[in-house]
N, C-alpha and C. Protein backbone atom coordinates (compact mmCIF):
# COMPACT_ATOMS: atom_id res chain seq x y z
N GLY A 1 21.53 39.18 6.40
CA GLY A 1 20.59 38.10 7.55
C GLY A 1 21.29 36.92 7.73
N SER A 2 21.19 36.25 8.80
CA SER A 2 21.75 35.14 9.48
C SER A 2 21.57 33.99 8.51
N PRO A 3 22.54 33.23 8.20
CA PRO A 3 22.35 32.07 7.64
C PRO A 3 21.52 31.19 8.41
N VAL A 4 20.50 30.28 7.44
CA VAL A 4 19.50 29.46 7.90
C VAL A 4 19.98 28.04 7.66
N THR A 5 19.96 27.25 9.21
CA THR A 5 20.04 25.90 8.71
C THR A 5 19.25 25.05 8.10
N ALA A 6 19.95 23.90 7.52
CA ALA A 6 18.95 23.28 6.76
C ALA A 6 17.55 22.59 7.43
N GLU A 7 17.70 22.40 8.53
CA GLU A 7 16.63 21.96 9.61
C GLU A 7 15.64 22.99 9.63
N GLU A 8 16.15 24.11 9.82
CA GLU A 8 15.08 25.29 9.91
C GLU A 8 14.48 25.62 8.59
N ARG A 9 15.14 25.61 7.60
CA ARG A 9 14.59 25.93 6.26
C ARG A 9 13.72 24.75 5.81
N ARG A 10 13.71 23.57 6.30
CA ARG A 10 12.95 22.41 6.08
C ARG A 10 11.53 22.60 6.90
N LEU A 11 11.71 22.92 7.90
CA LEU A 11 10.34 23.38 8.86
C LEU A 11 9.86 24.60 8.19
N ARG A 12 10.37 25.81 7.97
CA ARG A 12 9.78 26.99 7.21
C ARG A 12 9.33 26.25 5.93
N ASP A 13 9.85 25.57 5.21
CA ASP A 13 9.15 24.79 3.98
C ASP A 13 7.84 24.32 4.21
N LYS A 14 8.02 23.34 5.50
CA LYS A 14 6.84 22.42 5.56
C LYS A 14 5.60 23.33 6.03
N LYS A 15 6.13 24.21 6.88
CA LYS A 15 4.85 25.16 7.49
C LYS A 15 4.26 25.96 6.22
N HIS A 16 5.07 26.38 5.14
CA HIS A 16 4.51 26.98 4.17
C HIS A 16 3.61 26.06 3.40
N LEU A 17 4.05 24.99 3.03
CA LEU A 17 3.14 24.01 2.43
C LEU A 17 1.86 23.80 3.29
N ASP A 18 1.96 23.66 4.62
CA ASP A 18 0.98 23.68 5.28
C ASP A 18 -0.32 24.56 5.22
N ASP A 19 0.38 25.76 4.84
CA ASP A 19 -0.54 27.30 5.07
C ASP A 19 -1.11 27.04 3.45
N ILE A 20 -0.32 26.56 2.71
CA ILE A 20 -1.07 26.67 1.29
C ILE A 20 -1.87 25.51 0.74
N THR A 21 -1.67 24.44 1.32
CA THR A 21 -2.45 22.98 0.94
C THR A 21 -2.55 22.02 1.97
N ALA A 22 -3.74 21.35 1.73
CA ALA A 22 -3.85 20.19 2.93
C ALA A 22 -3.42 18.93 1.91
N ALA A 23 -2.77 19.07 0.95
CA ALA A 23 -2.55 17.73 0.12
C ALA A 23 -1.05 17.30 0.85
N ARG A 24 -1.22 15.92 1.13
CA ARG A 24 -0.13 15.17 1.80
C ARG A 24 0.28 14.24 0.86
N LEU A 25 1.58 13.83 0.98
CA LEU A 25 2.19 12.64 0.16
C LEU A 25 1.96 11.42 0.84
N PRO A 26 1.64 10.19 0.16
CA PRO A 26 1.44 9.09 0.61
C PRO A 26 2.43 8.60 1.56
N PRO A 27 2.43 7.75 2.23
CA PRO A 27 3.37 7.43 3.02
C PRO A 27 4.04 6.14 2.11
N LEU A 28 5.40 6.28 2.26
CA LEU A 28 6.27 5.43 1.18
C LEU A 28 6.23 3.66 2.03
N HIS A 29 5.63 2.80 1.32
CA HIS A 29 5.11 1.39 1.72
C HIS A 29 6.23 0.80 0.98
N HIS A 30 6.99 1.18 0.25
CA HIS A 30 8.17 0.22 -0.41
C HIS A 30 9.56 0.68 -0.21
N SER A 31 10.58 -0.10 -0.44
CA SER A 31 11.65 0.49 -0.31
C SER A 31 12.22 1.18 -1.46
N PRO A 32 13.21 2.10 -1.30
CA PRO A 32 13.50 3.16 -2.76
C PRO A 32 14.04 2.22 -3.84
N ALA A 33 14.07 2.68 -4.99
CA ALA A 33 14.76 2.03 -6.10
C ALA A 33 16.07 1.50 -5.67
N LYS A 34 16.28 0.58 -6.44
CA LYS A 34 17.68 -0.32 -6.20
C LYS A 34 18.09 -0.66 -7.71
N LEU A 35 19.49 -0.56 -7.81
CA LEU A 35 20.00 -1.00 -8.92
C LEU A 35 20.06 -2.37 -9.07
N LEU A 36 19.70 -3.29 -10.18
CA LEU A 36 19.75 -4.64 -10.33
C LEU A 36 20.82 -4.90 -11.53
N PRO A 37 21.36 -5.90 -11.56
CA PRO A 37 22.15 -6.41 -12.61
C PRO A 37 21.12 -6.84 -13.81
N ILE A 38 21.81 -6.36 -15.06
CA ILE A 38 20.84 -6.51 -16.31
C ILE A 38 20.43 -7.87 -16.32
N GLU A 39 20.81 -8.97 -16.03
CA GLU A 39 20.49 -10.31 -16.06
C GLU A 39 19.06 -10.32 -15.34
N GLU A 40 19.28 -10.18 -14.11
CA GLU A 40 18.15 -9.94 -13.10
C GLU A 40 16.98 -9.29 -13.56
N SER A 41 17.29 -8.03 -14.39
CA SER A 41 16.11 -7.36 -14.91
C SER A 41 15.56 -8.11 -15.77
N ILE A 42 16.49 -8.65 -16.59
CA ILE A 42 15.77 -9.38 -17.86
C ILE A 42 14.97 -10.58 -17.51
N ALA A 43 15.40 -11.27 -16.50
CA ALA A 43 14.70 -12.34 -16.00
C ALA A 43 13.38 -11.81 -15.31
N ILE A 44 13.10 -10.70 -14.59
CA ILE A 44 11.95 -10.31 -14.02
C ILE A 44 10.97 -9.80 -15.10
N GLN A 45 11.62 -9.03 -16.03
CA GLN A 45 10.59 -8.58 -17.09
C GLN A 45 9.83 -9.91 -17.73
N ILE A 46 11.00 -10.83 -17.95
CA ILE A 46 10.24 -11.88 -18.79
C ILE A 46 9.17 -12.72 -17.98
N GLN A 47 9.48 -12.73 -16.64
CA GLN A 47 8.51 -13.39 -15.78
C GLN A 47 7.14 -12.54 -15.82
N GLN A 48 7.17 -10.91 -15.40
CA GLN A 48 6.20 -10.32 -15.73
C GLN A 48 5.34 -10.54 -16.97
N LYS A 49 6.34 -10.60 -18.06
CA LYS A 49 5.58 -10.56 -19.39
C LYS A 49 4.91 -12.19 -19.36
N GLU A 50 5.30 -13.05 -19.12
CA GLU A 50 4.49 -14.32 -19.25
C GLU A 50 3.32 -14.58 -18.25
N ALA A 51 3.36 -13.87 -16.87
CA ALA A 51 2.06 -13.58 -16.14
C ALA A 51 1.21 -12.75 -16.87
N TYR A 52 1.56 -11.66 -17.60
CA TYR A 52 0.77 -10.77 -18.41
C TYR A 52 -0.08 -11.39 -19.30
N GLU A 53 0.79 -12.08 -20.00
CA GLU A 53 0.18 -12.76 -21.19
C GLU A 53 -0.73 -14.18 -20.89
N ALA A 54 -0.33 -14.61 -19.76
CA ALA A 54 -1.56 -15.73 -19.33
C ALA A 54 -2.88 -15.07 -18.91
N MET A 55 -2.60 -13.70 -18.25
CA MET A 55 -3.76 -13.29 -17.58
C MET A 55 -4.67 -12.81 -18.83
N GLN A 56 -4.00 -12.52 -19.79
CA GLN A 56 -4.93 -11.69 -21.03
C GLN A 56 -5.50 -13.13 -21.78
N ALA A 57 -4.63 -14.31 -21.76
CA ALA A 57 -5.31 -15.42 -22.42
C ALA A 57 -6.47 -15.92 -21.51
N LYS A 58 -6.44 -15.78 -20.32
CA LYS A 58 -7.62 -16.12 -19.54
C LYS A 58 -8.91 -15.33 -19.55
N LEU A 59 -8.49 -13.96 -19.62
CA LEU A 59 -9.52 -12.90 -19.99
C LEU A 59 -9.98 -13.21 -21.32
N ALA A 60 -9.16 -13.35 -22.51
CA ALA A 60 -9.74 -13.65 -23.66
C ALA A 60 -10.65 -14.85 -23.80
N ALA A 61 -10.28 -15.95 -23.26
CA ALA A 61 -11.06 -17.24 -23.20
C ALA A 61 -12.34 -16.90 -22.26
N GLN A 62 -12.43 -16.19 -21.21
CA GLN A 62 -13.63 -15.65 -20.67
C GLN A 62 -14.55 -15.21 -21.45
N LYS A 63 -14.22 -14.08 -22.12
CA LYS A 63 -14.86 -13.01 -22.85
C LYS A 63 -15.56 -13.83 -24.35
N LEU A 64 -14.57 -14.95 -24.61
CA LEU A 64 -15.17 -15.62 -25.84
C LEU A 64 -16.18 -16.54 -25.49
N ALA A 65 -16.12 -16.92 -24.14
CA ALA A 65 -17.14 -17.99 -23.67
C ALA A 65 -18.44 -17.32 -23.32
N GLU A 66 -18.47 -15.83 -22.89
CA GLU A 66 -19.38 -15.26 -22.66
C GLU A 66 -20.10 -14.79 -23.94
N ARG A 67 -19.20 -14.34 -25.15
CA ARG A 67 -19.91 -14.02 -26.55
C ARG A 67 -20.42 -15.27 -26.86
N LEU A 68 -20.13 -16.47 -26.88
CA LEU A 68 -20.54 -17.66 -27.33
C LEU A 68 -21.71 -18.46 -26.51
N ASN A 69 -21.97 -17.67 -25.67
CA ASN A 69 -22.93 -18.38 -24.59
C ASN A 69 -22.70 -19.73 -24.32
N ILE A 70 -21.33 -19.80 -23.72
CA ILE A 70 -20.86 -21.13 -23.52
C ILE A 70 -20.98 -21.15 -21.84
N LYS A 71 -21.59 -22.05 -21.19
CA LYS A 71 -21.77 -22.07 -19.56
C LYS A 71 -21.05 -23.16 -19.18
N MET A 72 -20.11 -23.00 -18.33
CA MET A 72 -19.17 -24.19 -17.77
C MET A 72 -19.96 -24.70 -16.61
N VAL A 73 -20.24 -25.68 -16.64
CA VAL A 73 -21.02 -26.65 -15.29
C VAL A 73 -20.35 -27.82 -15.06
N ARG A 74 -20.45 -28.07 -13.91
CA ARG A 74 -19.73 -29.23 -13.33
C ARG A 74 -20.52 -30.46 -13.81
N PHE A 75 -20.08 -31.42 -14.54
CA PHE A 75 -20.69 -32.74 -15.12
C PHE A 75 -20.61 -33.63 -14.02
N GLU A 76 -21.37 -34.26 -13.34
CA GLU A 76 -21.35 -35.48 -12.34
C GLU A 76 -22.36 -36.44 -12.74
N PRO A 77 -22.17 -37.34 -13.58
CA PRO A 77 -23.25 -38.45 -13.81
C PRO A 77 -23.50 -39.25 -12.83
N GLU A 78 -22.45 -39.67 -12.46
CA GLU A 78 -22.76 -40.82 -11.27
C GLU A 78 -23.08 -40.01 -9.83
N GLY A 79 -22.70 -38.87 -9.47
CA GLY A 79 -23.45 -37.98 -8.44
C GLY A 79 -24.55 -37.63 -8.77
N GLU A 80 -25.22 -37.45 -9.75
CA GLU A 80 -26.58 -37.25 -9.83
C GLU A 80 -27.41 -38.62 -9.78
N ALA A 81 -26.95 -39.72 -10.32
CA ALA A 81 -27.71 -41.06 -10.22
C ALA A 81 -27.61 -41.38 -8.64
N SER A 82 -26.65 -41.33 -7.84
CA SER A 82 -26.68 -41.69 -6.50
C SER A 82 -27.63 -40.79 -5.87
N MET A 83 -27.63 -39.75 -6.24
CA MET A 83 -28.72 -38.79 -5.37
C MET A 83 -30.13 -39.05 -5.69
N GLN A 84 -30.17 -39.52 -6.99
CA GLN A 84 -31.86 -40.21 -7.15
C GLN A 84 -31.97 -41.51 -6.43
N TYR A 85 -31.04 -42.22 -6.25
CA TYR A 85 -31.10 -43.53 -5.51
C TYR A 85 -31.68 -43.32 -4.05
N ARG A 86 -30.91 -42.35 -3.54
CA ARG A 86 -30.91 -41.78 -2.07
C ARG A 86 -32.17 -41.23 -2.01
N GLU A 87 -32.87 -40.70 -2.81
CA GLU A 87 -33.99 -39.92 -2.78
C GLU A 87 -35.20 -40.70 -1.93
N VAL A 88 -35.74 -40.33 -1.10
CA VAL A 88 -36.89 -41.08 -0.35
C VAL A 88 -38.36 -40.64 -0.91
N ARG A 89 -39.08 -41.68 -1.00
CA ARG A 89 -40.41 -41.44 -1.60
C ARG A 89 -41.24 -41.86 -0.64
N ASP A 90 -42.43 -41.47 -0.55
CA ASP A 90 -43.60 -41.90 0.32
C ASP A 90 -44.47 -42.89 -0.48
N GLU A 91 -44.61 -44.15 -0.04
CA GLU A 91 -45.35 -45.07 -1.01
C GLU A 91 -46.92 -44.75 -0.55
N ASP A 92 -47.28 -44.12 0.36
CA ASP A 92 -48.45 -43.77 0.49
C ASP A 92 -49.22 -43.22 -0.84
């Protein structure tokens, strides 16, 4: 047989995939992997670890508050008094 070019082979393989499955790969929305210097990689990992730990602490505090039935409400004693002062009452 005659040799098949890379383009023809790619088209034939694509047609074969179209025949056997409807599944498609998602579009590539990010750039391909790139090499980083070890220092930059370590800095990124430390930053991600700190963000993860902060999120875990926030979640733990929220769960603890729910378990102890602690409600966080705004406390405005002056705001409440000023609203009572402004309340209009009928004298009749």
